[in-house]
Amino acid sequence: MLYLSEIMMQHPEVENFEQLLSVVKERSKTEVFFRIDVKPPFADTPENWEDRLEAAFT
């Protein structure tokens, strides 16, 4: 299972929400399950951030 907090720890170079979406899309190629366990700390994180992360993973 892939956790959002794990992605954020493994990719400290990610500086905004769009970069995070790209990393999630890439990781979805090798993972089966995704769990959102933290809110991204970026200034550009939109209100529908959970939906967008789930869509990027699927």
N, C-alpha and C. Protein backbone atom coordinates (compact mmCIF):
# COMPACT_ATOMS: atom_id res chain seq x y z
N MET A 1 0.84 -1.18 0.00
CA MET A 1 0.00 0.00 0.00
C MET A 1 0.88 1.24 0.00
N LEU A 2 0.53 2.18 -0.81
CA LEU A 2 1.26 3.43 -0.94
C LEU A 2 0.54 4.52 -0.14
N TYR A 3 1.27 5.17 0.73
CA TYR A 3 0.71 6.26 1.53
C TYR A 3 1.22 7.60 1.00
N LEU A 4 0.36 8.60 1.04
CA LEU A 4 0.76 9.93 0.60
C LEU A 4 1.94 10.45 1.43
N SER A 5 1.93 10.21 2.72
CA SER A 5 3.04 10.67 3.57
C SER A 5 4.36 10.04 3.14
N GLU A 6 4.31 8.79 2.70
CA GLU A 6 5.50 8.10 2.22
C GLU A 6 6.05 8.77 0.95
N ILE A 7 5.15 9.10 0.05
CA ILE A 7 5.56 9.80 -1.18
C ILE A 7 6.24 11.12 -0.83
N MET A 8 5.64 11.86 0.08
CA MET A 8 6.18 13.17 0.42
C MET A 8 7.54 13.06 1.10
N MET A 9 7.76 12.02 1.89
CA MET A 9 9.07 11.83 2.53
C MET A 9 10.12 11.38 1.52
N GLN A 10 9.72 10.57 0.56
CA GLN A 10 10.66 10.04 -0.42
C GLN A 10 10.99 11.04 -1.53
N HIS A 11 10.18 12.09 -1.65
CA HIS A 11 10.39 13.08 -2.71
C HIS A 11 10.41 14.50 -2.13
N PRO A 12 11.46 14.85 -1.40
CA PRO A 12 11.53 16.19 -0.80
C PRO A 12 11.67 17.30 -1.86
N GLU A 13 11.99 16.92 -3.08
CA GLU A 13 12.13 17.91 -4.14
C GLU A 13 10.78 18.46 -4.62
N VAL A 14 9.69 17.80 -4.26
CA VAL A 14 8.35 18.26 -4.66
C VAL A 14 8.04 19.55 -3.92
N GLU A 15 7.74 20.60 -4.69
CA GLU A 15 7.54 21.92 -4.10
C GLU A 15 6.12 22.46 -4.25
N ASN A 16 5.27 21.79 -5.04
CA ASN A 16 3.91 22.27 -5.21
C ASN A 16 2.97 21.10 -5.52
N PHE A 17 1.70 21.39 -5.54
CA PHE A 17 0.69 20.35 -5.71
C PHE A 17 0.77 19.69 -7.08
N GLU A 18 1.04 20.45 -8.11
CA GLU A 18 1.13 19.87 -9.46
C GLU A 18 2.28 18.87 -9.56
N GLN A 19 3.40 19.16 -8.94
CA GLN A 19 4.51 18.22 -8.92
C GLN A 19 4.12 16.96 -8.16
N LEU A 20 3.38 17.12 -7.09
CA LEU A 20 2.92 15.98 -6.31
C LEU A 20 2.01 15.09 -7.15
N LEU A 21 1.12 15.69 -7.93
CA LEU A 21 0.26 14.91 -8.81
C LEU A 21 1.08 14.08 -9.79
N SER A 22 2.13 14.66 -10.32
CA SER A 22 2.98 13.93 -11.26
C SER A 22 3.64 12.73 -10.60
N VAL A 23 4.12 12.90 -9.39
CA VAL A 23 4.75 11.80 -8.67
C VAL A 23 3.72 10.71 -8.37
N VAL A 24 2.53 11.09 -7.97
CA VAL A 24 1.48 10.12 -7.67
C VAL A 24 1.14 9.32 -8.93
N LYS A 25 1.02 10.01 -10.07
CA LYS A 25 0.74 9.32 -11.34
C LYS A 25 1.84 8.32 -11.66
N GLU A 26 3.07 8.71 -11.47
CA GLU A 26 4.20 7.81 -11.76
C GLU A 26 4.19 6.59 -10.84
N ARG A 27 3.96 6.83 -9.56
CA ARG A 27 3.96 5.72 -8.60
C ARG A 27 2.77 4.79 -8.79
N SER A 28 1.69 5.28 -9.39
CA SER A 28 0.51 4.44 -9.60
C SER A 28 0.79 3.30 -10.57
N LYS A 29 1.86 3.41 -11.33
CA LYS A 29 2.22 2.36 -12.29
C LYS A 29 2.75 1.11 -11.61
N THR A 30 3.24 1.26 -10.38
CA THR A 30 3.84 0.12 -9.68
C THR A 30 3.12 -0.24 -8.38
N GLU A 31 2.11 0.51 -8.00
CA GLU A 31 1.38 0.26 -6.76
C GLU A 31 -0.08 -0.07 -7.07
N VAL A 32 -0.70 -0.84 -6.18
CA VAL A 32 -2.09 -1.23 -6.39
C VAL A 32 -3.05 -0.38 -5.55
N PHE A 33 -2.65 -0.07 -4.32
CA PHE A 33 -3.52 0.67 -3.41
C PHE A 33 -2.85 1.98 -2.98
N PHE A 34 -3.68 2.99 -2.75
CA PHE A 34 -3.21 4.32 -2.38
C PHE A 34 -4.06 4.82 -1.22
N ARG A 35 -3.40 5.32 -0.20
CA ARG A 35 -4.11 5.86 0.96
C ARG A 35 -3.65 7.28 1.23
N ILE A 36 -4.61 8.17 1.39
CA ILE A 36 -4.32 9.56 1.70
C ILE A 36 -4.38 9.71 3.22
N ASP A 37 -3.22 9.89 3.82
CA ASP A 37 -3.15 9.95 5.28
C ASP A 37 -2.73 11.32 5.82
N VAL A 38 -2.37 12.23 4.93
CA VAL A 38 -2.01 13.60 5.33
C VAL A 38 -2.49 14.57 4.25
N LYS A 39 -2.62 15.83 4.64
CA LYS A 39 -2.96 16.87 3.67
C LYS A 39 -1.65 17.48 3.16
N PRO A 40 -1.52 17.63 1.84
CA PRO A 40 -0.30 18.24 1.30
C PRO A 40 -0.13 19.67 1.84
N PRO A 41 1.09 20.04 2.22
CA PRO A 41 1.33 21.34 2.86
C PRO A 41 1.61 22.49 1.90
N PHE A 42 1.21 22.35 0.65
CA PHE A 42 1.58 23.36 -0.34
C PHE A 42 0.56 24.50 -0.40
N ALA A 43 1.05 25.69 -0.70
CA ALA A 43 0.18 26.86 -0.78
C ALA A 43 -0.85 26.73 -1.91
N ASP A 44 -0.50 25.97 -2.95
CA ASP A 44 -1.41 25.83 -4.08
C ASP A 44 -2.31 24.59 -4.01
N THR A 45 -2.39 23.96 -2.84
CA THR A 45 -3.25 22.79 -2.68
C THR A 45 -4.71 23.24 -2.79
N PRO A 46 -5.45 22.69 -3.77
CA PRO A 46 -6.84 23.13 -3.98
C PRO A 46 -7.79 22.52 -2.96
N GLU A 47 -9.02 23.02 -2.93
CA GLU A 47 -10.02 22.50 -2.00
C GLU A 47 -10.36 21.04 -2.29
N ASN A 48 -10.34 20.66 -3.56
CA ASN A 48 -10.68 19.29 -3.95
C ASN A 48 -9.43 18.41 -4.08
N TRP A 49 -8.45 18.64 -3.23
CA TRP A 49 -7.16 17.96 -3.34
C TRP A 49 -7.27 16.45 -3.22
N GLU A 50 -8.16 15.96 -2.38
CA GLU A 50 -8.30 14.50 -2.24
C GLU A 50 -8.80 13.87 -3.53
N ASP A 51 -9.82 14.47 -4.13
CA ASP A 51 -10.34 13.96 -5.39
C ASP A 51 -9.29 13.97 -6.48
N ARG A 52 -8.51 15.03 -6.54
CA ARG A 52 -7.49 15.14 -7.58
C ARG A 52 -6.38 14.13 -7.40
N LEU A 53 -5.99 13.86 -6.15
CA LEU A 53 -4.96 12.84 -5.90
C LEU A 53 -5.48 11.45 -6.25
N GLU A 54 -6.71 11.15 -5.87
CA GLU A 54 -7.29 9.86 -6.21
C GLU A 54 -7.38 9.69 -7.72
N ALA A 55 -7.78 10.74 -8.43
CA ALA A 55 -7.89 10.67 -9.88
C ALA A 55 -6.51 10.48 -10.52
N ALA A 56 -5.50 11.10 -9.96
CA ALA A 56 -4.14 10.94 -10.49
C ALA A 56 -3.64 9.52 -10.29
N PHE A 57 -4.07 8.87 -9.22
CA PHE A 57 -3.62 7.51 -8.95
C PHE A 57 -4.31 6.48 -9.85
N THR A 58 -5.58 6.74 -10.19
CA THR A 58 -6.33 5.75 -10.98
C THR A 58 -6.18 5.92 -12.47
